[in-house]
Amino acid sequence: NEMNDVVWSVKMPGGEHIFYTPSTEKLYEIPLDDWYQDTMLWLKMIHPKDRQLVEEVSKNILLHGSYEIDYR
């Protein structure tokens, strides 16, 4: 609750939402309840040109258990 960074955790595979920091609500001006209800809201916040990286991240998690990738 004290963290100013926007951090969210989504269980992969499956997309189960684990948590969002309160600063997520502050930055995007979208209530935290909306984040938990719309399971694709986090994806909508990723720059359109970077959305294909989500698939790459998912594949790396499944294959290697982790990922390392640069994005905006």
C-alpha atoms as a PDB file:
ATOM      1  CA  ASN A   1       0.000   0.000   0.000  1.00  0.00           C
ATOM      2  CA  GLU A   2       2.954   2.337   0.494  1.00  0.00           C
ATOM      3  CA  MET A   3       4.472   1.679  -2.942  1.00  0.00           C
ATOM      4  CA  ASN A   4       4.199   4.581  -5.394  1.00  0.00           C
ATOM      5  CA  ASP A   5       5.039   2.404  -8.388  1.00  0.00           C
ATOM      6  CA  VAL A   6       2.274   0.895 -10.465  1.00  0.00           C
ATOM      7  CA  VAL A   7       2.602  -2.850 -10.041  1.00  0.00           C
ATOM      8  CA  TRP A   8       0.181  -5.595 -10.838  1.00  0.00           C
ATOM      9  CA  SER A   9       0.535  -9.318 -10.681  1.00  0.00           C
ATOM     10  CA  VAL A  10      -1.304 -11.700 -12.966  1.00  0.00           C
ATOM     11  CA  LYS A  11      -0.910 -15.462 -12.660  1.00  0.00           C
ATOM     12  CA  MET A  12       0.294 -16.986 -15.921  1.00  0.00           C
ATOM     13  CA  PRO A  13      -1.012 -19.036 -17.562  1.00  0.00           C
ATOM     14  CA  GLY A  14      -4.636 -18.382 -16.814  1.00  0.00           C
ATOM     15  CA  GLY A  15      -4.655 -14.647 -16.230  1.00  0.00           C
ATOM     16  CA  GLU A  16      -5.868 -14.751 -12.612  1.00  0.00           C
ATOM     17  CA  HIS A  17      -5.424 -11.327 -11.000  1.00  0.00           C
ATOM     18  CA  ILE A  18      -3.380 -11.525  -7.813  1.00  0.00           C
ATOM     19  CA  PHE A  19      -2.995  -7.867  -6.828  1.00  0.00           C
ATOM     20  CA  TYR A  20      -2.725  -4.263  -7.970  1.00  0.00           C
ATOM     21  CA  THR A  21      -0.985  -1.521  -6.021  1.00  0.00           C
ATOM     22  CA  PRO A  22      -3.256   1.392  -5.004  1.00  0.00           C
ATOM     23  CA  SER A  23      -1.118   3.664  -7.185  1.00  0.00           C
ATOM     24  CA  THR A  24      -2.639   1.863 -10.203  1.00  0.00           C
ATOM     25  CA  GLU A  25      -5.973   3.473  -9.398  1.00  0.00           C
ATOM     26  CA  LYS A  26      -4.324   6.847  -8.841  1.00  0.00           C
ATOM     27  CA  LEU A  27      -2.380   6.850 -12.128  1.00  0.00           C
ATOM     28  CA  TYR A  28      -5.102   5.544 -14.436  1.00  0.00           C
ATOM     29  CA  GLU A  29      -8.038   7.071 -12.528  1.00  0.00           C
ATOM     30  CA  ILE A  30      -9.842   3.725 -12.766  1.00  0.00           C
ATOM     31  CA  PRO A  31     -11.152   2.161  -9.522  1.00  0.00           C
ATOM     32  CA  LEU A  32      -9.307  -0.957  -8.368  1.00  0.00           C
ATOM     33  CA  ASP A  33     -12.592  -2.901  -8.470  1.00  0.00           C
ATOM     34  CA  ASP A  34     -12.715  -2.276 -12.232  1.00  0.00           C
ATOM     35  CA  TRP A  35      -9.232  -3.744 -12.616  1.00  0.00           C
ATOM     36  CA  TYR A  36     -10.307  -6.949 -10.878  1.00  0.00           C
ATOM     37  CA  GLN A  37     -13.598  -7.185 -12.794  1.00  0.00           C
ATOM     38  CA  ASP A  38     -12.226  -6.568 -16.310  1.00  0.00           C
ATOM     39  CA  THR A  39      -9.632  -9.308 -16.719  1.00  0.00           C
ATOM     40  CA  MET A  40      -8.251  -7.654 -19.869  1.00  0.00           C
ATOM     41  CA  LEU A  41      -8.015  -4.073 -18.569  1.00  0.00           C
ATOM     42  CA  TRP A  42      -4.288  -4.413 -17.851  1.00  0.00           C
ATOM     43  CA  LEU A  43      -3.707  -5.446 -21.478  1.00  0.00           C
ATOM     44  CA  LYS A  44      -5.596  -2.375 -22.697  1.00  0.00           C
ATOM     45  CA  MET A  45      -3.110  -0.192 -20.763  1.00  0.00           C
ATOM     46  CA  ILE A  46      -0.107  -1.590 -22.657  1.00  0.00           C
ATOM     47  CA  HIS A  47       0.950   0.485 -25.641  1.00  0.00           C
ATOM     48  CA  PRO A  48      -0.607  -1.043 -28.798  1.00  0.00           C
ATOM     49  CA  LYS A  49       2.805  -1.586 -30.387  1.00  0.00           C
ATOM     50  CA  ASP A  50       3.921  -3.591 -27.317  1.00  0.00           C
ATOM     51  CA  ARG A  51       0.878  -5.835 -26.913  1.00  0.00           C
ATOM     52  CA  GLN A  52       2.405  -8.605 -29.011  1.00  0.00           C
ATOM     53  CA  LEU A  53       5.097  -8.843 -26.341  1.00  0.00           C
ATOM     54  CA  VAL A  54       2.505 -10.237 -23.922  1.00  0.00           C
ATOM     55  CA  GLU A  55       2.353 -13.405 -26.000  1.00  0.00           C
ATOM     56  CA  GLU A  56       6.146 -13.607 -26.021  1.00  0.00           C
ATOM     57  CA  VAL A  57       6.232 -13.203 -22.234  1.00  0.00           C
ATOM     58  CA  SER A  58       3.579 -15.915 -21.806  1.00  0.00           C
ATOM     59  CA  LYS A  59       5.541 -18.337 -23.987  1.00  0.00           C
ATOM     60  CA  ASN A  60       8.767 -17.682 -22.079  1.00  0.00           C
ATOM     61  CA  ILE A  61       7.040 -18.223 -18.741  1.00  0.00           C
ATOM     62  CA  LEU A  62       5.633 -21.544 -19.921  1.00  0.00           C
ATOM     63  CA  LEU A  63       8.949 -22.699 -21.397  1.00  0.00           C
ATOM     64  CA  HIS A  64      11.453 -21.276 -18.915  1.00  0.00           C
ATOM     65  CA  GLY A  65       9.487 -20.150 -15.850  1.00  0.00           C
ATOM     66  CA  SER A  66      10.641 -16.548 -16.290  1.00  0.00           C
ATOM     67  CA  TYR A  67      11.165 -13.835 -18.869  1.00  0.00           C
ATOM     68  CA  GLU A  68      13.340 -10.853 -19.613  1.00  0.00           C
ATOM     69  CA  ILE A  69      12.120  -8.329 -22.139  1.00  0.00           C
ATOM     70  CA  ASP A  70      12.392  -4.596 -22.848  1.00  0.00           C
ATOM     71  CA  TYR A  71       9.257  -2.583 -23.516  1.00  0.00           C
ATOM     72  CA  ARG A  72       7.908   0.919 -22.991  1.00  0.00           C
END
